[in-house]
Amino acid sequence: MPLPPSGKTPWPPREFCEPLDHMEVWHAWYSGDTDHLAAVYGGPNQLALNPRARDFFELNKPSQFRGGLVGSLARMFWGEPITPGQPAAKLHIPIAGDIAELSANLLWADIPTVTVDGDSTGTAAMVGTTDQIKRYLDDRGHATMRQAAEIAAALGGVYVRVVWDLEVQPRPWLDVVYPDAVIPEWRWGRLSAATIWRELPPLHGESEVWRLLERHEPGSISYGLYKGDVDTLGMQMALDDHPDAAEVIPQRVDKAGNRIWLVDEAGMMYTGIKRMLISYIPNVLPNRMWRGLPLGRSDYAGIEPLMGALDEAWTSWMRDLRLGKARIMLPQSMLEVEGPGSGGMFDLDREVFVQLNMLDGGDGASAITMNQFSIRVEEHERTTAALRKQILSSAGYSAQSMGEEGTVAVTATEVAARKEESLTTRGLKILYQRPELLELLTTMLWVDVTHCGAQGVDPEAELTASWPQAVQPDPEATARTLSLLETAGAISDYMKVKMQHPEWDEDEVLVEVARIKADKAAANPLPAGDPFSTHAADGEDPTVEDQAVDDEKDPQDEANGGQGQQTAA
């Protein structure tokens, strides 16, 4: 399908307005920017003034707060207007960012093991493909996938595309694209096309909006430059009409040093690969808000009011601290006047005060008094702890994962029991991470062979991926288990190595078993002069030594019929 037509085409498309607005709210929580939170919930410079978001922010409903600013969203803590004359004292606890970071760490703290199915390719190609995949998932590739997982947890999903530039790196790599910068198209629940868009700086005034669209389809990428306004795409322009767009279009350098665009007159570049170079990784599915759109569900979906309540509780706690400061109140007559128009002062370090001649009404009005409000520490602490626990539980994580249960040393079994909810969520997210990771790695192999000249790899090979255990077993407990099984004679060297190193593949296990056998043989050499050949070496005939013993029999025994000398009873 071609790029969108020129003219009054709404952009972004109207069917994506609501998801994009929700992503804007989630991004405000994820970033922890208090100004952004106030904007999305109707504070100063509210985003609700955007006509595209008018329905989402419900501007047509009256507010219950002073001024009737933004309707029901003004009832949120961050949508409340600031009281005139009071400082902006709202506090924010970045628990949303902590949740996204926790999700990424659970998934990508360690690199998953990617193996090549030996039945789908030759031995040499299997080795070369495996080595090349390890290069893709080096530290940079590992960090990119972890970044993608954190964004997916916050915004419900993330797009990852395969890019290459031989002037930068001799092999392809992965690039992360935020989900609010992509307009996807689906076919039977699978991504069939995706249009990445970005806004470029204006050239002739702030009223114009330049957009560069990059449409991905199987086998091709189309580029289009448009000049419109805030809500419409506008007219399609030539790709070289904006200098920033020209720098993004794929180019190559010829022998003369000239740069040549890799797109045709229509702005299309053929990739030579019958697959898309971009994949969508959902956080979890299904999405409970948008039927018909297979977009992922954010970890924040439904818990935004709880996070607002947590911020409100912390703000109330800090307000108690401010109001709880001791304040001294004294009559004006006790102030020392420094002159007309200069006000008065009172020296707290002065030891002797002279009694003043004045009328005090007999009620002690001249006495110095102190006022100090109580600080409700216990009430606020219990409230914030309960809110944090509920927020984590609703997001699918255990409080232990955030260190809520202390740092006392426990066994791996106890840790797994305390983090059961987090580990269940991790296993659920791996179901959506694994197939897209394998798709991306296969696409990288095709790009590497087609455009980067990779040798000895097979992009048609079947790949599998396995994630390491989130909670590693206790080495001491594993050693005791292996010792008991060995004493009972119920385990082989192969299974002992397999239990000790479950992340190893078959070849690594067999090599280690061979080392163990060699070490045992070296530690227990054959004893000298073994007459019964109980430790005969491999390939040695034990009957040779027996024959030598027979040759040395006493002749007298032979004369007695081989019965030896008889002894009288």
Protein backbone atom coordinates (compact mmCIF):
# COMPACT_ATOMS: atom_id res chain seq x y z
CA MET A 1 0.00 0.00 0.00
CA PRO A 2 1.27 3.53 -0.73
CA LEU A 3 1.93 6.37 1.65
CA PRO A 4 -1.04 8.49 2.85
CA PRO A 5 -2.41 10.89 0.24
CA SER A 6 -1.71 14.63 0.29
CA GLY A 7 -4.26 17.13 1.53
CA LYS A 8 -6.39 17.31 4.66
CA THR A 9 -5.52 13.82 5.85
CA PRO A 10 -5.87 13.79 9.68
CA TRP A 11 -2.64 12.95 11.40
CA PRO A 12 -2.29 10.89 13.44
CA PRO A 13 -5.25 8.88 12.11
CA ARG A 14 -8.36 9.30 14.24
CA GLU A 15 -8.60 5.62 15.17
CA PHE A 16 -5.26 5.95 16.97
CA CYS A 17 -6.07 9.17 18.88
CA GLU A 18 -7.24 7.42 22.02
CA PRO A 19 -4.30 4.94 22.24
CA LEU A 20 -1.82 7.75 21.62
CA ASP A 21 -3.43 9.89 24.33
CA HIS A 22 -3.20 7.04 26.82
CA MET A 23 0.44 6.56 25.87
CA GLU A 24 0.98 10.26 26.57
CA VAL A 25 -0.40 9.80 30.09
CA TRP A 26 1.70 6.68 30.66
CA HIS A 27 4.78 8.48 29.39
CA ALA A 28 4.18 11.27 31.90
CA TRP A 29 4.15 8.73 34.74
CA TYR A 30 7.16 6.91 33.29
CA SER A 31 9.26 10.06 32.93
CA GLY A 32 8.37 11.35 36.40
CA ASP A 33 8.18 14.91 35.10
CA THR A 34 5.76 16.75 37.41
CA ASP A 35 5.11 19.46 34.81
CA HIS A 36 4.18 16.77 32.29
CA LEU A 37 1.87 15.10 34.82
CA ALA A 38 0.16 18.40 35.57
CA ALA A 39 -0.22 19.01 31.83
CA VAL A 40 -1.85 15.68 30.98
CA TYR A 41 -4.19 15.92 33.96
CA GLY A 42 -5.32 19.47 33.29
CA GLY A 43 -2.84 21.65 35.13
CA PRO A 44 -0.97 24.59 33.60
CA ASN A 45 -0.35 24.20 29.86
CA GLN A 46 -2.69 21.22 29.85
CA LEU A 47 -2.52 18.94 26.84
CA ALA A 48 -6.29 18.75 26.95
CA LEU A 49 -6.44 21.97 24.95
CA ASN A 50 -5.36 19.94 21.91
CA PRO A 51 -8.51 19.33 19.81
CA ARG A 52 -7.27 15.85 18.98
CA ALA A 53 -7.41 14.91 22.68
CA ARG A 54 -10.64 16.74 23.51
CA ASP A 55 -12.77 13.60 23.76
CA PHE A 56 -10.17 11.81 25.85
CA PHE A 57 -9.84 14.59 28.39
CA GLU A 58 -13.64 15.16 28.56
CA LEU A 59 -13.51 18.92 28.36
CA ASN A 60 -17.27 19.17 27.91
CA LYS A 61 -17.90 17.92 31.46
CA PRO A 62 -17.84 20.47 34.29
CA SER A 63 -15.14 20.15 36.91
CA GLN A 64 -15.89 19.71 40.58
CA PHE A 65 -12.91 21.89 41.41
CA ARG A 66 -12.61 25.64 41.47
CA GLY A 67 -12.64 27.13 37.99
CA GLY A 68 -14.06 24.08 36.17
CA LEU A 69 -10.80 23.45 34.31
CA VAL A 70 -10.73 20.06 32.67
CA GLY A 71 -13.59 17.91 33.82
CA SER A 72 -13.22 14.55 35.50
CA LEU A 73 -9.44 14.40 35.11
CA ALA A 74 -9.18 17.49 37.32
CA ARG A 75 -10.34 15.28 40.16
CA MET A 76 -6.99 13.47 39.95
CA PHE A 77 -4.34 14.67 42.38
CA TRP A 78 -2.19 16.12 39.61
CA GLY A 79 -5.24 17.75 38.01
CA GLU A 80 -6.14 19.79 41.08
CA PRO A 81 -5.49 23.51 40.62
CA ILE A 82 -2.95 25.19 42.86
CA THR A 83 -4.48 27.27 45.66
CA PRO A 84 -3.75 30.96 45.04
CA GLY A 85 -1.08 32.26 47.35
CA GLN A 86 0.27 28.80 48.17
CA PRO A 87 3.56 27.39 46.83
CA ALA A 88 3.56 24.37 44.51
CA ALA A 89 4.42 21.71 47.07
CA LYS A 90 3.24 18.52 45.34
CA LEU A 91 5.69 15.63 45.55
CA HIS A 92 6.06 12.75 43.12
CA ILE A 93 7.27 9.24 43.94
CA PRO A 94 8.73 7.72 40.73
CA ILE A 95 7.26 4.27 41.32
CA ALA A 96 6.16 4.08 37.66
CA GLY A 97 9.76 4.32 36.51
CA ASP A 98 10.76 1.73 39.13
CA ILE A 99 8.13 -0.70 37.80
CA ALA A 100 9.35 -0.35 34.20
CA GLU A 101 12.96 -0.81 35.31
CA LEU A 102 12.02 -3.86 37.38
CA SER A 103 10.26 -5.43 34.38
CA ALA A 104 13.29 -4.89 32.13
CA ASN A 105 15.68 -6.29 34.74
CA LEU A 106 13.57 -9.41 35.22
CA LEU A 107 13.58 -10.06 31.47
CA TRP A 108 17.01 -8.91 30.34
CA ALA A 109 19.32 -9.03 33.35
CA ASP A 110 21.02 -11.90 31.49
CA ILE A 111 21.18 -12.71 27.80
CA PRO A 112 18.93 -15.60 26.70
CA THR A 113 20.60 -18.55 25.04
CA VAL A 114 19.84 -18.68 21.31
CA THR A 115 20.61 -21.96 19.57
CA VAL A 116 20.38 -23.13 15.98
CA ASP A 117 18.48 -26.30 15.18
CA GLY A 118 21.02 -28.71 13.71
CA ASP A 119 18.37 -30.49 11.65
CA SER A 120 17.53 -27.30 9.75
CA THR A 121 21.04 -26.61 8.44
CA GLY A 122 24.51 -28.09 8.05
CA THR A 123 27.08 -28.41 10.82
CA ALA A 124 29.37 -25.67 9.48
CA ALA A 125 26.47 -23.29 8.91
CA MET A 126 25.12 -24.05 12.37
CA VAL A 127 28.42 -23.05 13.97
CA GLY A 128 28.77 -19.91 11.84
CA THR A 129 25.18 -18.82 12.45
CA THR A 130 25.49 -19.36 16.20
CA ASP A 131 28.67 -17.28 16.35
CA GLN A 132 27.07 -14.48 14.34
CA ILE A 133 24.02 -14.37 16.62
CA LYS A 134 26.34 -14.01 19.61
CA ARG A 135 27.81 -10.95 17.88
CA TYR A 136 24.31 -9.52 17.40
CA LEU A 137 23.57 -9.99 21.11
CA ASP A 138 26.78 -8.43 22.36
CA ASP A 139 26.70 -5.78 25.07
CA ARG A 140 25.15 -3.23 22.73
CA GLY A 141 22.51 -5.63 21.46
CA HIS A 142 21.79 -6.77 25.00
CA ALA A 143 21.38 -3.16 26.17
CA THR A 144 19.09 -2.37 23.23
CA MET A 145 16.73 -5.22 24.03
CA ARG A 146 16.69 -4.27 27.71
CA GLN A 147 15.84 -0.69 26.73
CA ALA A 148 13.03 -1.99 24.53
CA ALA A 149 11.64 -4.09 27.39
CA GLU A 150 11.54 -1.08 29.72
CA ILE A 151 9.70 1.06 27.17
CA ALA A 152 7.25 -1.78 26.49
CA ALA A 153 6.43 -2.09 30.19
CA ALA A 154 5.67 1.63 30.39
CA LEU A 155 3.85 2.25 27.09
CA GLY A 156 2.33 -1.15 26.42
CA GLY A 157 4.68 -2.19 23.64
CA VAL A 158 7.67 -1.15 21.56
CA TYR A 159 8.88 -1.38 17.96
CA VAL A 160 12.35 -2.66 17.11
CA ARG A 161 13.74 -2.42 13.59
CA VAL A 162 16.82 -3.81 11.90
CA VAL A 163 19.15 -1.18 10.39
CA TRP A 164 22.53 -1.30 8.70
CA ASP A 165 25.16 1.21 7.62
CA LEU A 166 28.49 -0.15 6.47
CA GLU A 167 30.15 3.18 7.26
CA VAL A 168 29.22 2.72 10.92
CA GLN A 169 29.40 -1.05 11.49
CA PRO A 170 30.11 -4.06 9.25
CA ARG A 171 26.99 -5.89 10.45
CA PRO A 172 23.35 -4.90 11.11
CA TRP A 173 22.08 -3.82 14.51
CA LEU A 174 18.80 -3.12 16.30
CA ASP A 175 17.11 0.25 16.74
CA VAL A 176 14.30 1.01 19.21
CA VAL A 177 11.26 3.06 18.10
CA TYR A 178 8.73 4.40 20.62
CA PRO A 179 5.18 3.11 20.03
CA ASP A 180 3.65 6.60 19.83
CA ALA A 181 5.80 7.31 16.76
CA VAL A 182 4.43 4.39 14.67
CA ILE A 183 1.10 3.84 12.93
CA PRO A 184 0.70 0.05 12.57
CA GLU A 185 -1.45 -2.04 10.24
CA TRP A 186 -2.57 -5.52 11.23
CA ARG A 187 -3.67 -8.64 9.40
CA TRP A 188 -5.13 -11.46 11.48
CA GLY A 189 -3.51 -10.02 14.55
CA ARG A 190 -0.03 -9.87 12.96
CA LEU A 191 1.84 -6.75 11.96
CA SER A 192 1.57 -6.38 8.16
CA ALA A 193 2.86 -2.79 7.71
CA ALA A 194 4.11 0.04 9.91
CA THR A 195 4.60 3.75 9.27
CA ILE A 196 7.19 5.52 11.39
CA TRP A 197 6.73 9.29 11.54
CA ARG A 198 8.70 12.14 13.03
CA GLU A 199 8.27 15.89 13.11
CA LEU A 200 11.05 17.99 11.61
CA PRO A 201 11.92 21.59 12.57
CA PRO A 202 9.84 24.26 10.75
CA LEU A 203 11.56 26.23 7.99
CA HIS A 204 9.27 29.23 7.41
CA GLY A 205 7.34 29.71 10.65
CA GLU A 206 5.97 27.92 13.66
CA SER A 207 2.55 27.40 12.05
CA GLU A 208 3.85 24.83 9.55
CA VAL A 209 4.57 21.24 10.57
CA TRP A 210 6.98 19.10 8.54
CA ARG A 211 6.63 15.33 8.90
CA LEU A 212 8.81 12.57 7.51
CA LEU A 213 7.04 9.23 7.06
CA GLU A 214 8.86 5.91 6.74
CA ARG A 215 6.55 3.08 5.71
CA HIS A 216 7.75 -0.51 6.19
CA GLU A 217 6.30 -3.35 4.15
CA PRO A 218 7.68 -6.79 3.31
CA GLY A 219 10.44 -6.21 0.79
CA SER A 220 10.37 -2.38 0.72
CA ILE A 221 10.59 0.87 2.67
CA SER A 222 8.86 4.03 1.38
CA TYR A 223 9.78 7.58 2.42
CA GLY A 224 7.53 10.62 2.17
CA LEU A 225 7.92 14.26 3.25
CA TYR A 226 4.79 16.28 4.10
CA LYS A 227 4.16 19.91 5.05
CA GLY A 228 0.92 20.54 6.95
CA ASP A 229 -0.31 21.82 10.29
CA VAL A 230 -0.89 20.42 13.77
CA ASP A 231 -3.84 18.19 12.87
CA THR A 232 -3.42 17.46 9.13
CA LEU A 233 -0.68 15.80 7.15
CA GLY A 234 -0.66 18.41 4.37
CA MET A 235 0.92 18.26 0.94
CA GLN A 236 3.61 15.78 0.00
CA MET A 237 6.88 17.51 -0.87
CA ALA A 238 10.09 16.44 -2.53
CA LEU A 239 12.43 14.58 -0.20
CA ASP A 240 15.17 17.18 -0.61
CA ASP A 241 12.91 20.11 0.32
CA HIS A 242 13.91 19.76 3.95
CA PRO A 243 17.61 19.35 4.86
CA ASP A 244 16.93 17.12 7.87
CA ALA A 245 14.92 14.69 5.74
CA ALA A 246 17.74 14.35 3.23
CA GLU A 247 20.09 13.23 6.00
CA VAL A 248 17.74 10.41 7.05
CA ILE A 249 17.18 8.90 3.58
CA PRO A 250 19.46 5.84 3.04
CA GLN A 251 22.50 6.67 0.93
CA ARG A 252 25.65 5.05 -0.35
CA VAL A 253 28.99 6.45 -1.44
CA ASP A 254 30.20 5.66 -4.98
CA LYS A 255 33.82 5.31 -6.09
CA ALA A 256 34.07 9.05 -6.74
CA GLY A 257 33.01 9.85 -3.19
CA ASN A 258 29.53 11.08 -4.15
CA ARG A 259 26.50 10.18 -2.06
CA ILE A 260 23.69 8.48 -3.94
CA TRP A 261 20.24 7.96 -2.50
CA LEU A 262 19.04 4.37 -2.36
CA VAL A 263 15.43 5.30 -3.18
CA ASP A 264 13.70 5.65 -6.52
CA GLU A 265 11.71 8.65 -7.76
CA ALA A 266 8.70 7.57 -5.70
CA GLY A 267 10.82 7.47 -2.53
CA MET A 268 10.81 3.66 -2.32
CA MET A 269 13.77 1.46 -1.43
CA TYR A 270 13.63 -2.28 -2.11
CA THR A 271 15.31 -4.28 0.65
CA GLY A 272 15.71 -7.51 -1.31
CA ILE A 273 14.27 -9.41 1.68
CA LYS A 274 10.75 -10.84 1.65
CA ARG A 275 10.06 -9.81 5.21
CA MET A 276 9.56 -6.62 7.20
CA LEU A 277 12.54 -5.03 8.90
CA ILE A 278 10.47 -3.92 11.90
CA SER A 279 8.74 -5.93 14.62
CA TYR A 280 6.30 -5.04 17.37
CA ILE A 281 6.95 -6.45 20.87
CA PRO A 282 3.85 -6.17 23.09
CA ASN A 283 4.26 -5.95 26.83
CA VAL A 284 1.38 -8.32 27.61
CA LEU A 285 -1.90 -9.12 25.89
CA PRO A 286 -4.82 -8.69 25.65
CA ASN A 287 -5.36 -4.98 25.93
CA ARG A 288 -8.43 -4.35 28.06
CA MET A 289 -9.22 -0.92 26.61
CA TRP A 290 -9.07 -1.13 22.81
CA ARG A 291 -10.86 -3.98 21.14
CA GLY A 292 -9.73 -4.65 17.60
CA LEU A 293 -6.24 -3.22 18.14
CA PRO A 294 -3.67 -5.86 19.16
CA LEU A 295 -1.62 -3.28 21.03
CA GLY A 296 0.04 -4.35 24.27
CA ARG A 297 -1.13 -3.46 27.76
CA SER A 298 0.97 -1.15 29.92
CA ASP A 299 1.94 -2.11 33.45
CA TYR A 300 0.35 1.22 34.48
CA ALA A 301 -3.06 0.51 32.94
CA GLY A 302 -5.66 0.93 35.68
CA ILE A 303 -3.29 1.90 38.49
CA GLU A 304 -2.89 5.59 37.60
CA PRO A 305 -5.30 6.64 40.42
CA LEU A 306 -3.31 4.58 42.91
CA MET A 307 -0.05 6.23 41.84
CA GLY A 308 -1.75 9.62 42.20
CA ALA A 309 -2.93 8.63 45.69
CA LEU A 310 0.63 7.66 46.62
CA ASP A 311 1.88 11.08 45.54
CA GLU A 312 -0.94 12.70 47.52
CA ALA A 313 -0.04 10.70 50.65
CA TRP A 314 3.64 11.68 50.40
CA THR A 315 2.68 15.30 49.83
CA SER A 316 0.46 15.21 52.94
CA TRP A 317 3.32 13.67 54.94
CA MET A 318 5.71 16.43 53.91
CA ARG A 319 3.00 19.01 54.65
CA ASP A 320 2.82 17.68 58.20
CA LEU A 321 6.57 18.17 58.47
CA ARG A 322 6.30 21.76 57.33
CA LEU A 323 3.39 22.54 59.65
CA GLY A 324 5.07 20.70 62.52
CA LYS A 325 7.92 23.16 62.78
CA ALA A 326 7.96 24.85 66.18
CA ARG A 327 6.79 28.45 66.03
CA ILE A 328 7.18 31.04 68.83
CA MET A 329 4.42 33.55 69.39
CA LEU A 330 5.00 36.63 71.56
CA PRO A 331 3.22 39.93 72.07
CA GLN A 332 4.19 42.88 69.98
CA SER A 333 5.21 44.79 73.07
CA MET A 334 8.21 42.48 73.54
CA LEU A 335 9.71 43.41 70.22
CA GLU A 336 12.60 45.82 70.08
CA VAL A 337 11.84 48.65 67.69
CA GLU A 338 14.75 49.66 65.49
CA GLY A 339 13.19 52.86 64.29
CA PRO A 340 10.22 54.19 62.41
CA GLY A 341 9.42 51.98 59.43
CA SER A 342 12.09 49.39 60.34
CA GLY A 343 9.82 46.90 62.11
CA GLY A 344 10.80 45.06 65.25
CA MET A 345 13.05 42.20 66.35
CA PHE A 346 13.36 39.72 69.19
CA ASP A 347 16.66 38.21 70.38
CA LEU A 348 16.16 34.55 71.30
CA ASP A 349 19.65 34.35 72.90
CA ARG A 350 19.02 37.19 75.34
CA GLU A 351 19.11 35.99 78.98
CA VAL A 352 17.51 38.88 80.88
CA PHE A 353 14.32 40.72 79.95
CA VAL A 354 13.12 43.84 81.67
CA GLN A 355 9.48 43.78 82.72
CA LEU A 356 7.56 46.28 80.68
CA ASN A 357 5.00 48.60 82.14
CA MET A 358 1.88 47.78 80.21
CA LEU A 359 -1.63 46.58 80.61
CA ASP A 360 -1.93 42.86 79.89
CA GLY A 361 -5.52 42.34 80.93
CA GLY A 362 -4.39 39.91 83.61
CA ASP A 363 -4.59 36.94 81.23
CA GLY A 364 -0.89 36.51 80.57
CA ALA A 365 -1.05 38.06 77.13
CA SER A 366 2.52 39.17 77.53
CA ALA A 367 3.83 35.61 77.92
CA ILE A 368 5.89 33.86 75.25
CA THR A 369 4.14 30.78 73.88
CA MET A 370 5.21 28.04 71.46
CA ASN A 371 3.01 26.19 68.97
CA GLN A 372 4.01 22.88 67.32
CA PHE A 373 1.62 20.54 65.49
CA SER A 374 2.02 16.79 65.69
CA ILE A 375 3.49 14.88 62.74
CA ARG A 376 1.42 11.81 61.85
CA VAL A 377 4.37 9.62 60.94
CA GLU A 378 2.83 6.21 61.66
CA GLU A 379 -0.43 6.93 59.81
CA HIS A 380 1.35 8.23 56.73
CA GLU A 381 3.88 5.40 56.75
CA ARG A 382 1.17 2.72 56.87
CA THR A 383 -0.80 4.48 54.14
CA THR A 384 2.13 4.83 51.74
CA ALA A 385 3.27 1.24 52.39
CA ALA A 386 -0.21 -0.10 51.65
CA LEU A 387 -0.45 1.96 48.47
CA ARG A 388 2.96 0.81 47.25
CA LYS A 389 2.07 -2.82 47.90
CA GLN A 390 -1.24 -2.51 46.07
CA ILE A 391 0.37 -0.71 43.13
CA LEU A 392 3.00 -3.42 42.73
CA SER A 393 0.43 -6.20 43.08
CA SER A 394 -1.88 -4.64 40.49
CA ALA A 395 1.06 -4.25 38.12
CA GLY A 396 1.91 -7.95 38.56
CA TYR A 397 4.93 -7.79 40.86
CA SER A 398 5.77 -8.87 44.39
CA ALA A 399 6.79 -6.40 47.07
CA GLN A 400 9.93 -8.49 47.62
CA SER A 401 11.09 -7.56 44.12
CA MET A 402 11.26 -3.92 45.24
CA GLY A 403 13.08 -4.78 48.46
CA GLU A 404 9.97 -4.26 50.60
CA GLU A 405 10.74 -7.31 52.79
CA GLY A 406 14.27 -6.39 53.78
CA THR A 407 17.61 -7.88 52.77
CA VAL A 408 17.91 -10.84 55.17
CA ALA A 409 19.77 -13.75 53.57
CA VAL A 410 17.36 -16.52 52.54
CA THR A 411 17.57 -19.59 50.37
CA ALA A 412 16.75 -19.59 46.68
CA THR A 413 13.52 -21.49 47.38
CA GLU A 414 12.36 -18.83 49.82
CA VAL A 415 13.27 -16.06 47.39
CA ALA A 416 11.29 -17.76 44.61
CA ALA A 417 8.30 -18.14 46.95
CA ARG A 418 8.37 -14.46 47.90
CA LYS A 419 8.79 -13.36 44.30
CA GLU A 420 6.26 -15.80 42.87
CA GLU A 421 4.02 -13.05 41.48
CA SER A 422 6.96 -11.31 39.78
CA LEU A 423 8.27 -14.58 38.34
CA THR A 424 4.82 -15.41 36.97
CA THR A 425 4.68 -12.01 35.24
CA ARG A 426 8.19 -12.58 33.91
CA GLY A 427 7.19 -15.92 32.40
CA LEU A 428 4.13 -14.30 30.81
CA LYS A 429 6.21 -11.55 29.20
CA ILE A 430 8.75 -14.03 27.88
CA LEU A 431 5.91 -15.56 25.82
CA TYR A 432 5.73 -12.30 23.87
CA GLN A 433 9.46 -11.53 23.88
CA ARG A 434 10.71 -14.87 22.52
CA PRO A 435 8.96 -15.05 19.11
CA GLU A 436 9.73 -11.42 18.26
CA LEU A 437 13.36 -11.83 19.31
CA LEU A 438 13.71 -14.82 16.97
CA GLU A 439 12.01 -12.85 14.18
CA LEU A 440 14.45 -9.98 14.64
CA LEU A 441 17.48 -12.26 14.71
CA THR A 442 16.34 -14.03 11.53
CA THR A 443 15.83 -10.66 9.84
CA MET A 444 19.31 -9.60 10.91
CA LEU A 445 20.76 -12.74 9.34
CA TRP A 446 18.98 -11.98 6.04
CA VAL A 447 20.21 -8.36 6.08
CA ASP A 448 23.71 -9.51 6.97
CA VAL A 449 23.84 -11.91 4.04
CA THR A 450 22.08 -9.61 1.54
CA HIS A 451 23.67 -6.25 2.30
CA CYS A 452 26.70 -6.81 4.55
CA GLY A 453 28.30 -9.78 2.79
CA ALA A 454 28.20 -12.24 5.68
CA GLN A 455 29.66 -15.65 4.92
CA GLY A 456 29.03 -19.02 6.53
CA VAL A 457 25.62 -18.19 8.01
CA ASP A 458 22.25 -19.63 7.12
CA PRO A 459 19.32 -17.19 7.50
CA GLU A 460 16.86 -20.03 6.86
CA ALA A 461 17.99 -21.97 9.92
CA GLU A 462 15.44 -22.46 12.68
CA LEU A 463 16.25 -20.71 15.95
CA THR A 464 15.23 -21.36 19.54
CA ALA A 465 15.74 -19.21 22.62
CA SER A 466 15.70 -20.03 26.32
CA TRP A 467 15.84 -17.53 29.17
CA PRO A 468 18.05 -18.23 32.19
CA GLN A 469 16.50 -18.82 35.59
CA ALA A 470 15.48 -15.62 37.34
CA VAL A 471 16.47 -16.98 40.77
CA GLN A 472 19.68 -18.97 40.74
CA PRO A 473 19.72 -22.03 43.02
CA ASP A 474 21.83 -21.98 46.17
CA PRO A 475 25.23 -23.56 45.30
CA GLU A 476 25.49 -25.16 48.75
CA ALA A 477 22.04 -26.74 48.48
CA THR A 478 22.82 -28.02 44.99
CA ALA A 479 26.10 -29.53 46.21
CA ARG A 480 24.34 -31.36 49.06
CA THR A 481 21.71 -32.72 46.67
CA LEU A 482 24.35 -34.00 44.24
CA SER A 483 26.33 -35.59 47.08
CA LEU A 484 23.30 -37.47 48.38
CA LEU A 485 22.36 -38.69 44.90
CA GLU A 486 25.92 -39.86 44.25
CA THR A 487 26.04 -41.71 47.58
CA ALA A 488 22.82 -43.47 46.68
CA GLY A 489 24.19 -44.32 43.24
CA ALA A 490 21.22 -42.62 41.60
CA ILE A 491 22.93 -40.10 39.33
CA SER A 492 25.52 -40.14 36.57
CA ASP A 493 28.31 -37.69 35.83
CA TYR A 494 26.29 -36.39 32.91
CA MET A 495 23.26 -35.50 35.06
CA LYS A 496 25.47 -34.00 37.77
CA VAL A 497 26.97 -31.60 35.26
CA LYS A 498 23.51 -30.91 33.81
CA MET A 499 22.14 -29.99 37.24
CA GLN A 500 25.14 -27.84 38.08
CA HIS A 501 25.06 -25.95 34.76
CA PRO A 502 21.52 -26.04 33.31
CA GLU A 503 22.39 -23.21 30.92
CA TRP A 504 25.02 -25.31 29.07
CA ASP A 505 24.25 -26.98 25.77
CA GLU A 506 24.83 -30.66 24.97
CA ASP A 507 28.38 -30.26 23.67
CA GLU A 508 29.53 -28.28 26.70
CA VAL A 509 28.09 -30.90 29.06
CA LEU A 510 29.82 -33.76 27.24
CA VAL A 511 33.15 -31.95 27.25
CA GLU A 512 32.89 -31.40 31.00
CA VAL A 513 31.99 -35.07 31.60
CA ALA A 514 35.08 -36.10 29.65
CA ARG A 515 37.21 -33.79 31.81
CA ILE A 516 35.76 -35.31 34.99
CA LYS A 517 36.58 -38.84 33.81
CA ALA A 518 40.10 -37.82 32.88
CA ASP A 519 40.64 -36.21 36.28
CA LYS A 520 39.39 -39.35 38.06
CA ALA A 521 41.71 -41.55 36.02
CA ALA A 522 44.68 -39.29 36.80
CA ALA A 523 43.84 -39.26 40.51
CA ASN A 524 43.53 -43.11 40.69
CA PRO A 525 46.39 -44.64 38.67
CA LEU A 526 46.75 -48.44 38.24
CA PRO A 527 48.48 -50.06 41.28
CA ALA A 528 51.78 -51.94 40.71
CA GLY A 529 51.70 -55.74 40.76
CA ASP A 530 47.98 -56.41 40.73
CA PRO A 531 47.89 -60.25 40.61
CA PHE A 532 44.16 -60.42 40.14
CA SER A 533 43.99 -57.71 37.46
CA THR A 534 41.33 -55.78 39.36
CA HIS A 535 42.62 -52.55 37.81
CA ALA A 536 43.53 -53.83 34.36
CA ALA A 537 43.97 -51.04 31.88
CA ASP A 538 41.68 -50.72 28.90
CA GLY A 539 42.71 -53.11 26.11
CA GLU A 540 44.89 -55.28 28.39
CA ASP A 541 44.19 -59.02 28.50
CA PRO A 542 43.95 -60.14 32.14
CA THR A 543 44.55 -63.81 31.19
CA VAL A 544 48.21 -63.09 30.37
CA GLU A 545 49.09 -62.55 34.01
CA ASP A 546 47.04 -65.60 35.05
CA GLN A 547 49.02 -67.74 32.58
CA ALA A 548 52.26 -66.59 34.17
CA VAL A 549 51.01 -67.74 37.55
CA ASP A 550 50.06 -71.16 36.17
CA ASP A 551 53.56 -71.62 34.71
CA GLU A 552 55.07 -71.27 38.18
CA LYS A 553 53.07 -74.16 39.78
CA ASP A 554 54.97 -76.66 41.94
CA PRO A 555 55.88 -79.90 40.05
CA GLN A 556 54.93 -81.89 43.14
CA ASP A 557 51.39 -80.56 42.74
CA GLU A 558 51.35 -81.88 39.21
CA ALA A 559 52.44 -85.32 40.44
CA ASN A 560 49.61 -85.41 42.96
CA GLY A 561 47.10 -84.81 40.26
CA GLY A 562 46.97 -81.12 40.86
CA GLN A 563 45.52 -81.59 44.36
CA GLY A 564 48.61 -80.35 46.21
CA GLN A 565 50.02 -81.83 49.42
CA GLN A 566 47.47 -83.57 51.64
CA THR A 567 47.48 -82.90 55.34
CA ALA A 568 46.55 -85.65 57.82
CA ALA A 569 43.58 -85.04 59.97
